[in-house]
Amino acid sequence: MSTLTELSTLDVLEAEAVHIIRECAAECERPVLLFSGGKDSIVLAHLATKAFTPAGLPFPLMHVDTGHNFSEVIEYRDWFVQEIDERLIVASVEESISAGRVQDETGPRASRNRLQTTTLLDAIAEHQFDACFGGARRDEERARAKERVFSHRDMFGQWDPRNQRPEPWGVYNTKLRKGEHFRVFPLSNWTEVDIWAYIQREGLRLPSIYFAHEREVFTRDGMLMAAADFVERLPGEEVSTAMVRFRTVGDATCTACTLSTAGTVEQVLAETRASDVSERGASRADDRTSEAAMEDRKRGGYF
């Protein structure tokens, strides 16, 4: 007598994400997968390759490059794209600055993180993308918890959390007017622990900065920031060397690291399970400017 195999939580999350990716590819004309080289976008790209194997992806990958990225992540990005043999579009914030589309910030707290919005929206318009896959998860931050799986953006790229479409029983309304697009989040129901457990199960390679390493850092607003030539320090912010790792990857000017000796996926997973603070809460200076910082950026077209 045969018995049904019980699905694990990761099996269910994987099946849901693959379904969402296939649904978007079937219903939208020109999707693109936003790929930063961070752990969530790596898992997302891996799921996309699973969704369409043995064929290639029916859409390109795109990285919005601030020019202030961690070198380890850029090296990984280029390796990954070559490894899966897919097309990568690089939308450059540096080029947006040169073209006068945005103005570079100056001073110790300057960051190009907010400038990414204009670069992203310009790239969406240039390539006429009608859907952008993103690796955001609802457990990361309160504004992201409001997102639908198919998150509607108007013709200006703006997000209105009060004007989103219901998604009963995983049924998605994918109709768009000209100039509108969706941000599609297949990892919405995943947690940070799920991501690391899936990385462990699938044997995924990650950029080295996710694991403990020695780095020059300084303390700002209670966070450990990486020292870099393009990061101006405030008086009293002395550089020291510490054993750290990064929980999230973003623009180096606003992404903090954490003290850690976790050098393997198993050790990182154990640390993550013991943590009571989300990775964005612990590691992103741009989310601390106000309680509604993320929501304000998202309303204007941010990821």
Protein backbone atom coordinates (compact mmCIF):
# COMPACT_ATOMS: atom_id res chain seq x y z
CA MET A 1 0.00 0.00 0.00
CA SER A 2 1.49 3.34 -1.07
CA THR A 3 1.68 6.31 1.27
CA LEU A 4 1.75 10.01 0.49
CA THR A 5 5.07 11.74 1.09
CA GLU A 6 4.68 14.59 3.53
CA LEU A 7 5.91 17.86 2.05
CA SER A 8 8.33 19.94 4.11
CA THR A 9 7.90 23.67 4.64
CA LEU A 10 10.68 24.27 2.10
CA ASP A 11 8.93 22.03 -0.46
CA VAL A 12 5.71 24.05 -0.09
CA LEU A 13 7.52 27.41 -0.30
CA GLU A 14 9.49 26.26 -3.34
CA ALA A 15 6.35 25.04 -5.13
CA GLU A 16 4.54 28.32 -4.41
CA ALA A 17 7.47 30.41 -5.68
CA VAL A 18 7.85 28.34 -8.85
CA HIS A 19 4.11 28.69 -9.51
CA ILE A 20 4.30 32.49 -9.11
CA ILE A 21 7.31 32.74 -11.43
CA ARG A 22 5.60 30.64 -14.11
CA GLU A 23 2.33 32.56 -13.73
CA CYS A 24 4.10 35.88 -14.25
CA ALA A 25 6.05 34.59 -17.25
CA ALA A 26 2.81 33.34 -18.81
CA GLU A 27 0.70 36.44 -18.13
CA CYS A 28 3.21 39.29 -18.57
CA GLU A 29 4.88 40.22 -21.84
CA ARG A 30 8.30 41.48 -20.70
CA PRO A 31 9.34 40.37 -17.19
CA VAL A 32 12.79 40.88 -15.70
CA LEU A 33 14.41 39.42 -12.57
CA LEU A 34 16.12 41.97 -10.34
CA PHE A 35 19.44 40.45 -9.30
CA SER A 36 21.79 42.11 -6.81
CA GLY A 37 23.99 39.16 -5.91
CA GLY A 38 22.41 39.10 -2.46
CA LYS A 39 21.15 35.88 -0.87
CA ASP A 40 17.46 36.49 -1.62
CA SER A 41 18.04 37.28 -5.29
CA ILE A 42 20.31 34.22 -5.54
CA VAL A 43 17.54 31.99 -4.18
CA LEU A 44 15.05 33.70 -6.51
CA ALA A 45 17.23 33.16 -9.58
CA HIS A 46 17.81 29.54 -8.56
CA LEU A 47 14.04 29.02 -8.29
CA ALA A 48 13.56 30.62 -11.71
CA THR A 49 16.03 28.21 -13.30
CA LYS A 50 14.15 25.34 -11.65
CA ALA A 51 10.85 26.70 -12.98
CA PHE A 52 11.96 26.48 -16.61
CA THR A 53 14.58 23.74 -16.72
CA PRO A 54 15.76 22.27 -19.07
CA ALA A 55 15.06 25.45 -21.05
CA GLY A 56 16.71 28.77 -20.21
CA LEU A 57 15.01 31.70 -18.53
CA PRO A 58 12.40 33.48 -20.68
CA PHE A 59 13.51 36.82 -19.23
CA PRO A 60 16.81 38.58 -18.44
CA LEU A 61 18.35 39.48 -15.09
CA MET A 62 18.94 43.13 -14.15
CA HIS A 63 21.16 44.71 -11.52
CA VAL A 64 20.74 48.33 -10.45
CA ASP A 65 24.38 49.15 -9.76
CA THR A 66 25.04 52.10 -7.42
CA GLY A 67 28.79 52.05 -8.08
CA HIS A 68 29.24 51.73 -4.30
CA ASN A 69 28.82 47.98 -4.06
CA PHE A 70 30.94 45.47 -2.18
CA SER A 71 33.54 44.09 -4.59
CA GLU A 72 32.86 40.51 -3.43
CA VAL A 73 29.23 40.85 -4.51
CA ILE A 74 30.04 42.23 -7.97
CA GLU A 75 32.52 39.39 -8.51
CA TYR A 76 29.88 36.89 -7.48
CA ARG A 77 27.24 38.55 -9.70
CA ASP A 78 29.41 38.19 -12.79
CA TRP A 79 30.33 34.59 -11.90
CA PHE A 80 26.70 33.61 -11.33
CA VAL A 81 25.42 35.04 -14.60
CA GLN A 82 28.17 33.22 -16.49
CA GLU A 83 27.45 30.02 -14.55
CA ILE A 84 23.76 29.94 -15.52
CA ASP A 85 24.50 31.39 -18.99
CA GLU A 86 21.83 34.08 -18.91
CA ARG A 87 21.67 37.73 -19.99
CA LEU A 88 22.42 40.46 -17.44
CA ILE A 89 21.35 44.08 -17.85
CA VAL A 90 23.25 46.56 -15.65
CA ALA A 91 21.38 49.78 -14.90
CA SER A 92 23.98 52.24 -13.61
CA VAL A 93 23.35 54.94 -11.01
CA GLU A 94 26.69 56.45 -12.06
CA GLU A 95 25.31 56.91 -15.58
CA SER A 96 22.14 58.47 -14.15
CA ILE A 97 24.31 60.98 -12.29
CA SER A 98 26.36 61.74 -15.41
CA ALA A 99 23.18 62.26 -17.43
CA GLY A 100 21.82 64.71 -14.86
CA ARG A 101 18.88 62.45 -13.98
CA VAL A 102 19.90 62.46 -10.29
CA GLN A 103 22.33 64.42 -8.15
CA ASP A 104 24.99 62.62 -6.15
CA GLU A 105 24.85 63.23 -2.42
CA THR A 106 27.85 64.52 -0.47
CA GLY A 107 28.94 64.41 3.15
CA PRO A 108 29.46 61.68 5.76
CA ARG A 109 25.89 60.38 5.49
CA ALA A 110 25.74 60.51 1.70
CA SER A 111 24.32 57.42 0.01
CA ARG A 112 23.32 56.42 -3.49
CA ASN A 113 20.69 54.03 -2.16
CA ARG A 114 17.79 56.43 -2.75
CA LEU A 115 19.13 57.31 -6.22
CA GLN A 116 18.48 53.76 -7.38
CA THR A 117 14.77 54.49 -7.80
CA THR A 118 15.26 56.82 -10.77
CA THR A 119 17.75 54.43 -12.39
CA LEU A 120 15.34 51.51 -11.95
CA LEU A 121 12.31 53.38 -13.33
CA ASP A 122 14.34 54.63 -16.31
CA ALA A 123 15.47 51.07 -17.07
CA ILE A 124 11.91 49.75 -16.81
CA ALA A 125 10.76 52.41 -19.28
CA GLU A 126 13.70 51.87 -21.65
CA HIS A 127 13.20 48.10 -21.86
CA GLN A 128 9.39 48.29 -21.52
CA PHE A 129 9.34 45.78 -18.68
CA ASP A 130 5.85 45.08 -17.34
CA ALA A 131 6.92 42.93 -14.39
CA CYS A 132 10.00 42.95 -12.14
CA PHE A 133 10.69 39.90 -9.99
CA GLY A 134 12.13 40.91 -6.62
CA GLY A 135 13.42 38.97 -3.63
CA ALA A 136 11.64 40.99 -0.93
CA ARG A 137 10.04 39.08 1.93
CA ARG A 138 7.21 40.18 4.22
CA ASP A 139 9.18 39.40 7.38
CA GLU A 140 11.89 41.95 6.53
CA GLU A 141 10.11 45.21 7.30
CA ARG A 142 6.62 46.55 8.04
CA ALA A 143 6.14 48.24 4.63
CA ARG A 144 7.13 45.06 2.82
CA ALA A 145 4.61 43.17 4.94
CA LYS A 146 1.89 45.19 3.15
CA GLU A 147 2.96 44.02 -0.30
CA ARG A 148 0.86 41.74 -2.45
CA VAL A 149 2.63 39.01 -4.42
CA PHE A 150 1.76 40.90 -7.62
CA SER A 151 2.33 44.45 -6.38
CA HIS A 152 0.80 46.99 -8.75
CA ARG A 153 2.72 50.11 -9.80
CA ASP A 154 1.10 52.97 -11.70
CA MET A 155 2.50 54.61 -14.85
CA PHE A 156 4.86 56.67 -12.67
CA GLY A 157 6.18 53.58 -10.88
CA GLN A 158 4.41 54.58 -7.68
CA TRP A 159 3.03 52.14 -5.09
CA ASP A 160 -0.22 52.82 -3.23
CA PRO A 161 -0.69 50.28 -0.40
CA ARG A 162 -4.42 51.17 -0.22
CA ASN A 163 -4.96 50.41 -3.90
CA GLN A 164 -3.66 46.88 -4.26
CA ARG A 165 -5.56 43.96 -5.73
CA PRO A 166 -6.93 41.06 -3.66
CA GLU A 167 -5.25 37.68 -4.19
CA PRO A 168 -7.74 35.07 -2.91
CA TRP A 169 -6.46 31.47 -2.97
CA GLY A 170 -3.40 32.47 -4.99
CA VAL A 171 -5.42 33.88 -7.90
CA TYR A 172 -3.68 36.94 -9.37
CA ASN A 173 -5.18 39.77 -11.41
CA THR A 174 -2.43 40.54 -13.94
CA LYS A 175 -4.22 43.11 -16.11
CA LEU A 176 -2.26 46.32 -16.70
CA ARG A 177 -2.83 49.62 -18.43
CA LYS A 178 -0.12 50.93 -20.77
CA GLY A 179 2.87 52.16 -18.78
CA GLU A 180 1.99 50.31 -15.58
CA HIS A 181 3.92 47.35 -14.21
CA PHE A 182 4.07 44.83 -11.40
CA ARG A 183 6.72 44.11 -8.81
CA VAL A 184 6.37 40.36 -8.28
CA PHE A 185 7.56 38.80 -5.01
CA PRO A 186 7.72 34.97 -5.13
CA LEU A 187 9.53 34.90 -1.75
CA SER A 188 6.84 36.89 0.07
CA ASN A 189 6.03 34.10 2.54
CA TRP A 190 9.62 33.05 3.21
CA THR A 191 11.56 34.04 6.34
CA GLU A 192 15.28 34.67 6.75
CA VAL A 193 15.55 31.22 8.35
CA ASP A 194 13.75 29.66 5.37
CA ILE A 195 16.21 31.33 3.00
CA TRP A 196 19.24 29.98 4.83
CA ALA A 197 17.68 26.53 5.24
CA TYR A 198 16.99 26.45 1.48
CA ILE A 199 20.54 27.57 0.71
CA GLN A 200 21.76 24.70 2.86
CA ARG A 201 19.45 22.16 1.24
CA GLU A 202 20.25 23.23 -2.32
CA GLY A 203 23.98 23.67 -1.72
CA LEU A 204 23.96 27.21 -3.15
CA ARG A 205 27.18 29.20 -3.37
CA LEU A 206 27.07 32.73 -1.87
CA PRO A 207 29.33 35.80 -1.86
CA SER A 208 32.02 35.44 0.79
CA ILE A 209 30.85 38.49 2.80
CA TYR A 210 27.89 36.48 4.14
CA PHE A 211 30.39 34.51 6.22
CA ALA A 212 32.74 35.59 9.00
CA HIS A 213 35.84 37.45 7.83
CA GLU A 214 38.13 40.21 9.05
CA ARG A 215 37.20 43.69 7.83
CA GLU A 216 38.01 47.29 8.67
CA VAL A 217 34.93 48.82 10.29
CA PHE A 218 33.78 51.83 12.28
CA THR A 219 30.78 52.39 14.54
CA ARG A 220 27.95 54.74 13.54
CA ASP A 221 24.56 55.00 15.25
CA GLY A 222 25.19 51.72 17.02
CA MET A 223 25.95 49.84 13.79
CA LEU A 224 29.23 48.50 12.39
CA MET A 225 29.85 50.06 8.99
CA ALA A 226 32.50 48.90 6.52
CA ALA A 227 35.31 51.37 5.89
CA ALA A 228 35.68 52.34 2.23
CA ASP A 229 37.29 55.08 0.17
CA PHE A 230 33.89 56.49 -0.81
CA VAL A 231 32.51 56.54 2.76
CA GLU A 232 33.32 59.77 4.60
CA ARG A 233 33.52 59.35 8.36
CA LEU A 234 32.31 61.69 11.07
CA PRO A 235 34.69 63.03 13.74
CA GLY A 236 35.46 60.32 16.29
CA GLU A 237 34.56 57.43 13.98
CA GLU A 238 37.79 55.47 14.28
CA VAL A 239 38.53 52.48 12.08
CA SER A 240 39.33 49.12 13.66
CA THR A 241 39.50 45.52 12.47
CA ALA A 242 36.82 43.03 13.53
CA MET A 243 35.53 39.58 12.64
CA VAL A 244 32.18 40.24 10.98
CA ARG A 245 29.68 39.02 8.42
CA PHE A 246 26.83 40.67 6.51
CA ARG A 247 23.20 39.57 6.90
CA THR A 248 21.99 41.63 3.95
CA VAL A 249 23.67 43.12 0.88
CA GLY A 250 23.03 46.63 -0.41
CA ASP A 251 24.83 49.88 -1.11
CA ALA A 252 27.98 49.85 1.02
CA THR A 253 27.27 53.34 2.37
CA CYS A 254 24.18 52.21 4.28
CA THR A 255 24.66 48.46 4.87
CA ALA A 256 26.04 47.43 8.24
CA CYS A 257 27.69 44.20 9.28
CA THR A 258 27.48 42.23 12.50
CA LEU A 259 30.08 40.66 14.76
CA SER A 260 30.21 36.96 14.00
CA THR A 261 32.38 33.87 13.86
CA ALA A 262 29.93 31.93 11.66
CA GLY A 263 31.96 30.63 8.75
CA THR A 264 29.59 28.01 7.33
CA VAL A 265 25.96 27.90 6.20
CA GLU A 266 25.16 25.67 9.17
CA GLN A 267 26.67 28.16 11.63
CA VAL A 268 24.92 31.12 9.98
CA LEU A 269 21.61 29.24 10.12
CA ALA A 270 22.10 28.62 13.84
CA GLU A 271 22.85 32.33 14.42
CA THR A 272 19.82 33.36 12.39
CA ARG A 273 17.51 31.07 14.33
CA ALA A 274 18.75 32.63 17.58
CA SER A 275 18.32 36.24 16.40
CA ASP A 276 15.29 38.30 17.43
CA VAL A 277 16.00 41.20 15.02
CA SER A 278 15.39 41.11 11.26
CA GLU A 279 18.38 41.57 8.99
CA ARG A 280 17.12 44.96 7.78
CA GLY A 281 16.44 46.10 11.33
CA ALA A 282 20.00 45.23 12.30
CA SER A 283 21.84 46.16 9.13
CA ARG A 284 20.24 48.94 7.07
CA ALA A 285 20.92 52.55 8.04
CA ASP A 286 18.54 53.81 5.33
CA ASP A 287 15.58 52.23 7.18
CA ARG A 288 16.35 54.23 10.33
CA THR A 289 15.79 57.72 8.94
CA SER A 290 12.14 57.52 10.05
CA GLU A 291 9.59 54.90 11.06
CA ALA A 292 8.05 55.13 7.59
CA ALA A 293 11.34 55.35 5.66
CA MET A 294 10.84 52.21 3.58
CA GLU A 295 7.18 52.92 2.85
CA ASP A 296 7.99 56.46 1.71
CA ARG A 297 10.66 55.15 -0.69
CA LYS A 298 8.39 52.42 -1.99
CA ARG A 299 5.61 54.90 -2.72
CA GLY A 300 8.07 56.70 -4.99
CA GLY A 301 9.09 53.58 -6.91
CA TYR A 302 11.78 51.96 -4.75
CA PHE A 303 12.21 48.17 -4.74
